[in-house]
């Protein structure tokens, strides 16, 4: 089997299944290495990304990783912190020192309140998977418009696509701004028709994630729904 066919093959793995014997790839999420071979550490689908082989879980909550950008919702607050639900086993902590404003003690609700959605980065994950997050970085912010939908975290790579191909196609056809959090939450902002089409396309991707030729099927759907043919317009 060629390397490209090998990378494109999607197969369900059981814990302990052998994934990779060559030195071409490094062990990533959901894997472990023993005697020079890479094995699955959990039930899931094999994926390859940036030189790593991973096993993406088919169900369950988000497994947080330091550095991931995610979408969270504020569930509670105190004088100097916000509690954030990131679809992980534990609530995350966002401290006033990790936001782009100078927040006076006890004034947290004036900046971010319960129910608000935020785009944040995970800055620390301990051995129990408890996390700390930050919003003090370019591009991270409170999400004031649009809508947020949720998919299984394991399907995030399919929505993004190889080298960002799928998400670029969704943006180009719908004209929407779209951000896919690693925790399975997706923010979509644009005109109402574009948002509607983007949501339907993402639902299609999640439902048919294992189907061959998914990219072509999604593009045909987008062409039909938007009336655009970007290939003919010089994409």
Protein backbone atom coordinates (compact mmCIF):
# COMPACT_ATOMS: atom_id res chain seq x y z
CA UNK A 1 0.00 0.00 0.00
CA UNK A 2 1.38 3.43 -0.96
CA UNK A 3 2.03 6.03 1.73
CA UNK A 4 -0.84 8.22 0.47
CA UNK A 5 -3.32 5.34 0.45
CA UNK A 6 -2.09 4.33 3.87
CA UNK A 7 -2.72 7.83 5.25
CA UNK A 8 -6.16 8.01 3.65
CA UNK A 9 -7.35 4.69 5.02
CA UNK A 10 -9.62 5.17 8.03
CA UNK A 11 -9.99 2.15 10.29
CA UNK A 12 -11.46 1.57 13.74
CA UNK A 13 -8.81 0.45 16.22
CA UNK A 14 -9.11 -1.31 19.55
CA UNK A 15 -6.85 -0.59 22.56
CA UNK A 16 -3.58 -2.46 22.04
CA UNK A 17 -3.88 -2.71 18.25
CA UNK A 18 -0.64 -2.17 16.35
CA UNK A 19 -0.76 1.08 14.37
CA UNK A 20 2.70 1.78 13.01
CA UNK A 21 6.04 -0.02 12.86
CA UNK A 22 8.13 2.43 10.83
CA UNK A 23 10.04 5.44 12.14
CA UNK A 24 8.20 7.73 9.72
CA UNK A 25 5.65 8.84 12.32
CA UNK A 26 5.78 9.76 16.00
CA UNK A 27 3.22 8.61 18.60
CA UNK A 28 0.49 11.23 19.09
CA UNK A 29 -2.79 11.44 20.96
CA UNK A 30 -4.43 8.19 21.96
CA UNK A 31 -1.30 6.11 21.30
CA UNK A 32 1.71 4.67 23.06
CA UNK A 33 5.07 3.38 21.87
CA UNK A 34 6.62 0.09 22.93
CA UNK A 35 9.67 -1.69 21.49
CA UNK A 36 9.79 0.79 18.62
CA UNK A 37 6.17 0.19 17.60
CA UNK A 38 3.15 2.46 18.02
CA UNK A 39 -0.07 1.03 19.48
CA UNK A 40 -3.60 2.33 20.06
CA UNK A 41 -4.30 3.34 23.67
CA UNK A 42 -8.07 3.64 23.17
CA UNK A 43 -10.93 2.79 20.83
CA UNK A 44 -10.94 5.15 17.88
CA UNK A 45 -9.94 6.00 14.32
CA UNK A 46 -6.34 6.30 13.14
CA UNK A 47 -5.35 9.71 11.78
CA UNK A 48 -2.07 11.22 10.59
CA UNK A 49 -1.17 14.87 11.17
CA UNK A 50 2.09 16.82 11.03
CA UNK A 51 4.27 13.73 11.32
CA UNK A 52 2.25 12.19 14.18
CA UNK A 53 -0.10 9.22 14.17
CA UNK A 54 -3.12 9.68 16.45
CA UNK A 55 -6.17 7.74 17.56
CA UNK A 56 -9.27 9.96 17.72
CA UNK A 57 -11.89 8.65 20.15
CA UNK A 58 -15.29 7.88 18.63
CA UNK A 59 -17.26 9.07 21.62
CA UNK A 60 -16.85 10.79 24.95
CA UNK A 61 -15.88 14.27 26.04
CA UNK A 62 -12.98 16.37 24.88
CA UNK A 63 -9.53 15.26 26.07
CA UNK A 64 -7.81 18.60 26.80
CA UNK A 65 -4.29 19.30 25.57
CA UNK A 66 -2.05 22.25 26.41
CA UNK A 67 -1.97 24.71 23.53
CA UNK A 68 -5.34 23.79 22.04
CA UNK A 69 -7.70 26.58 21.08
CA UNK A 70 -11.23 25.84 22.23
CA UNK A 71 -14.61 27.48 22.62
CA UNK A 72 -15.89 27.70 26.19
CA UNK A 73 -19.00 28.96 27.93
CA UNK A 74 -18.94 30.79 31.26
CA UNK A 75 -20.79 28.81 33.94
CA UNK A 76 -19.91 30.83 37.05
CA UNK A 77 -17.62 33.61 38.26
CA UNK A 78 -15.99 35.01 41.35
CA UNK A 79 -14.13 38.18 42.26
CA UNK A 80 -11.04 37.28 40.22
CA UNK A 81 -11.88 34.21 38.12
CA UNK A 82 -14.39 32.80 35.66
CA UNK A 83 -15.36 29.12 35.52
CA UNK A 84 -15.48 27.88 31.92
CA UNK A 85 -17.11 24.77 30.46
CA UNK A 86 -14.91 23.48 27.61
CA UNK A 87 -16.69 20.11 27.15
CA UNK A 88 -13.99 18.38 29.23
CA UNK A 89 -14.28 16.29 32.41
CA UNK A 90 -13.60 19.33 34.62
CA UNK A 91 -14.51 23.03 34.54
CA UNK A 92 -11.59 25.26 33.48
CA UNK A 93 -10.37 28.35 35.29
CA UNK A 94 -9.87 31.71 33.56
CA UNK A 95 -8.08 34.21 35.81
CA UNK A 96 -8.29 38.01 35.51
CA UNK A 97 -4.53 38.03 34.83
CA UNK A 98 -5.20 35.99 31.66
CA UNK A 99 -7.58 38.36 29.86
CA UNK A 100 -6.70 41.42 27.73
CA UNK A 101 -8.27 43.94 30.14
CA UNK A 102 -7.35 45.34 33.51
CA UNK A 103 -10.19 43.99 35.63
CA UNK A 104 -10.78 45.52 39.04
CA UNK A 105 -11.30 43.05 41.89
CA UNK A 106 -14.96 42.01 41.98
CA UNK A 107 -15.78 43.49 38.56
CA UNK A 108 -15.50 40.30 36.51
CA UNK A 109 -19.16 40.29 35.39
CA UNK A 110 -18.70 43.67 33.65
CA UNK A 111 -16.33 42.02 31.17
CA UNK A 112 -17.54 38.42 30.81
CA UNK A 113 -20.76 37.16 32.36
CA UNK A 114 -22.39 33.78 32.92
CA UNK A 115 -23.61 32.36 29.61
CA UNK A 116 -21.05 34.21 27.47
CA UNK A 117 -19.04 32.24 24.93
CA UNK A 118 -15.28 32.74 24.69
CA UNK A 119 -12.49 31.71 22.36
CA UNK A 120 -9.58 30.65 24.59
CA UNK A 121 -6.34 28.68 24.67
CA UNK A 122 -5.53 25.92 27.15
CA UNK A 123 -2.39 26.92 29.04
CA UNK A 124 -2.08 24.09 31.55
CA UNK A 125 -3.39 20.55 32.02
CA UNK A 126 -2.59 18.60 35.19
CA UNK A 127 -2.50 14.83 35.70
CA UNK A 128 -6.22 14.80 36.52
CA UNK A 129 -7.05 16.69 33.30
CA UNK A 130 -7.94 19.87 35.20
CA UNK A 131 -7.17 22.86 33.02
CA UNK A 132 -6.34 26.53 33.10
CA UNK A 133 -7.10 28.74 30.11
CA UNK A 134 -6.16 32.17 28.77
CA UNK A 135 -7.73 34.81 26.55
CA UNK A 136 -4.76 37.19 26.64
CA UNK A 137 -3.51 36.53 23.12
CA UNK A 138 -4.17 37.95 19.66
CA UNK A 139 -7.32 36.47 18.14
CA UNK A 140 -8.75 35.18 21.42
CA UNK A 141 -11.90 36.98 22.53
CA UNK A 142 -15.49 36.94 23.70
CA UNK A 143 -17.81 35.80 20.91
CA UNK A 144 -20.54 38.42 20.61
CA UNK A 145 -22.28 37.36 17.42
CA UNK A 146 -23.06 34.30 15.31
CA UNK A 147 -23.94 30.88 16.65
CA UNK A 148 -22.15 27.91 18.18
CA UNK A 149 -22.82 24.29 17.29
CA UNK A 150 -21.24 21.18 18.76
CA UNK A 151 -19.91 18.00 17.16
CA UNK A 152 -18.02 15.01 18.53
CA UNK A 153 -14.42 16.15 19.22
CA UNK A 154 -13.22 13.13 17.25
CA UNK A 155 -14.74 14.61 14.08
CA UNK A 156 -12.87 17.93 14.30
CA UNK A 157 -10.12 16.79 11.86
CA UNK A 158 -12.78 15.91 9.27
CA UNK A 159 -14.40 19.35 9.50
CA UNK A 160 -11.00 21.03 9.14
CA UNK A 161 -9.83 18.69 6.39
CA UNK A 162 -6.35 17.99 5.10
CA UNK A 163 -4.31 21.20 5.18
CA UNK A 164 -7.51 23.07 6.05
CA UNK A 165 -9.19 22.11 2.77
CA UNK A 166 -12.67 21.34 4.13
CA UNK A 167 -13.00 24.38 6.38
CA UNK A 168 -11.70 26.66 3.58
CA UNK A 169 -14.34 25.26 1.26
CA UNK A 170 -17.09 25.89 3.82
CA UNK A 171 -15.96 29.49 4.30
CA UNK A 172 -15.63 30.17 0.58
CA UNK A 173 -19.08 28.86 -0.34
CA UNK A 174 -21.04 30.27 2.61
CA UNK A 175 -19.17 33.55 3.11
CA UNK A 176 -19.17 32.86 6.86
CA UNK A 177 -16.45 33.27 9.42
CA UNK A 178 -15.96 29.85 11.01
CA UNK A 179 -13.74 28.76 13.87
CA UNK A 180 -13.46 25.09 14.82
CA UNK A 181 -12.43 24.53 18.44
CA UNK A 182 -10.49 21.39 19.23
CA UNK A 183 -13.19 20.58 21.81
CA UNK A 184 -15.82 20.06 19.11
CA UNK A 185 -17.50 23.46 19.40
CA UNK A 186 -17.75 25.45 16.18
CA UNK A 187 -18.48 29.19 15.89
CA UNK A 188 -20.23 30.36 12.72
CA UNK A 189 -20.87 34.02 11.90
CA UNK A 190 -22.33 35.51 8.72
CA UNK A 191 -25.69 36.17 7.09
CA UNK A 192 -28.48 33.87 8.23
CA UNK A 193 -28.65 31.89 4.99
CA UNK A 194 -24.90 31.31 5.00
CA UNK A 195 -25.00 30.19 8.64
CA UNK A 196 -27.83 27.78 7.89
CA UNK A 197 -25.98 26.19 4.96
CA UNK A 198 -22.74 25.96 6.97
CA UNK A 199 -24.53 24.19 9.82
CA UNK A 200 -26.17 21.70 7.46
CA UNK A 201 -22.83 20.99 5.75
CA UNK A 202 -21.05 20.42 9.09
CA UNK A 203 -23.81 18.08 10.22
CA UNK A 204 -23.36 16.20 6.95
CA UNK A 205 -19.61 15.90 7.56
CA UNK A 206 -20.17 14.50 11.05
CA UNK A 207 -22.84 12.02 9.96
CA UNK A 208 -20.83 10.75 6.96
CA UNK A 209 -17.31 11.07 8.39
CA UNK A 210 -16.37 7.52 7.38
CA UNK A 211 -17.76 7.73 3.83
CA UNK A 212 -15.30 7.73 0.95
CA UNK A 213 -15.51 10.77 -1.29
CA UNK A 214 -16.90 12.94 1.49
CA UNK A 215 -15.18 16.12 0.27
CA UNK A 216 -16.75 15.83 -3.17
CA UNK A 217 -20.16 15.11 -1.66
CA UNK A 218 -19.95 18.16 0.60
CA UNK A 219 -18.88 20.38 -2.29
CA UNK A 220 -21.80 19.19 -4.41
CA UNK A 221 -24.13 20.00 -1.50
CA UNK A 222 -22.63 23.49 -1.14
CA UNK A 223 -22.89 24.16 -4.89
CA UNK A 224 -26.56 23.18 -4.86
CA UNK A 225 -27.46 25.16 -1.76
CA UNK A 226 -25.52 28.35 -2.59
CA UNK A 227 -25.86 28.33 -6.37
CA UNK A 228 -22.09 28.88 -6.65
CA UNK A 229 -19.53 26.91 -8.61
CA UNK A 230 -16.21 28.14 -7.34
CA UNK A 231 -14.20 25.84 -9.58
CA UNK A 232 -15.58 27.70 -12.60
CA UNK A 233 -14.94 31.10 -11.04
CA UNK A 234 -11.22 30.48 -10.68
CA UNK A 235 -10.83 29.09 -7.19
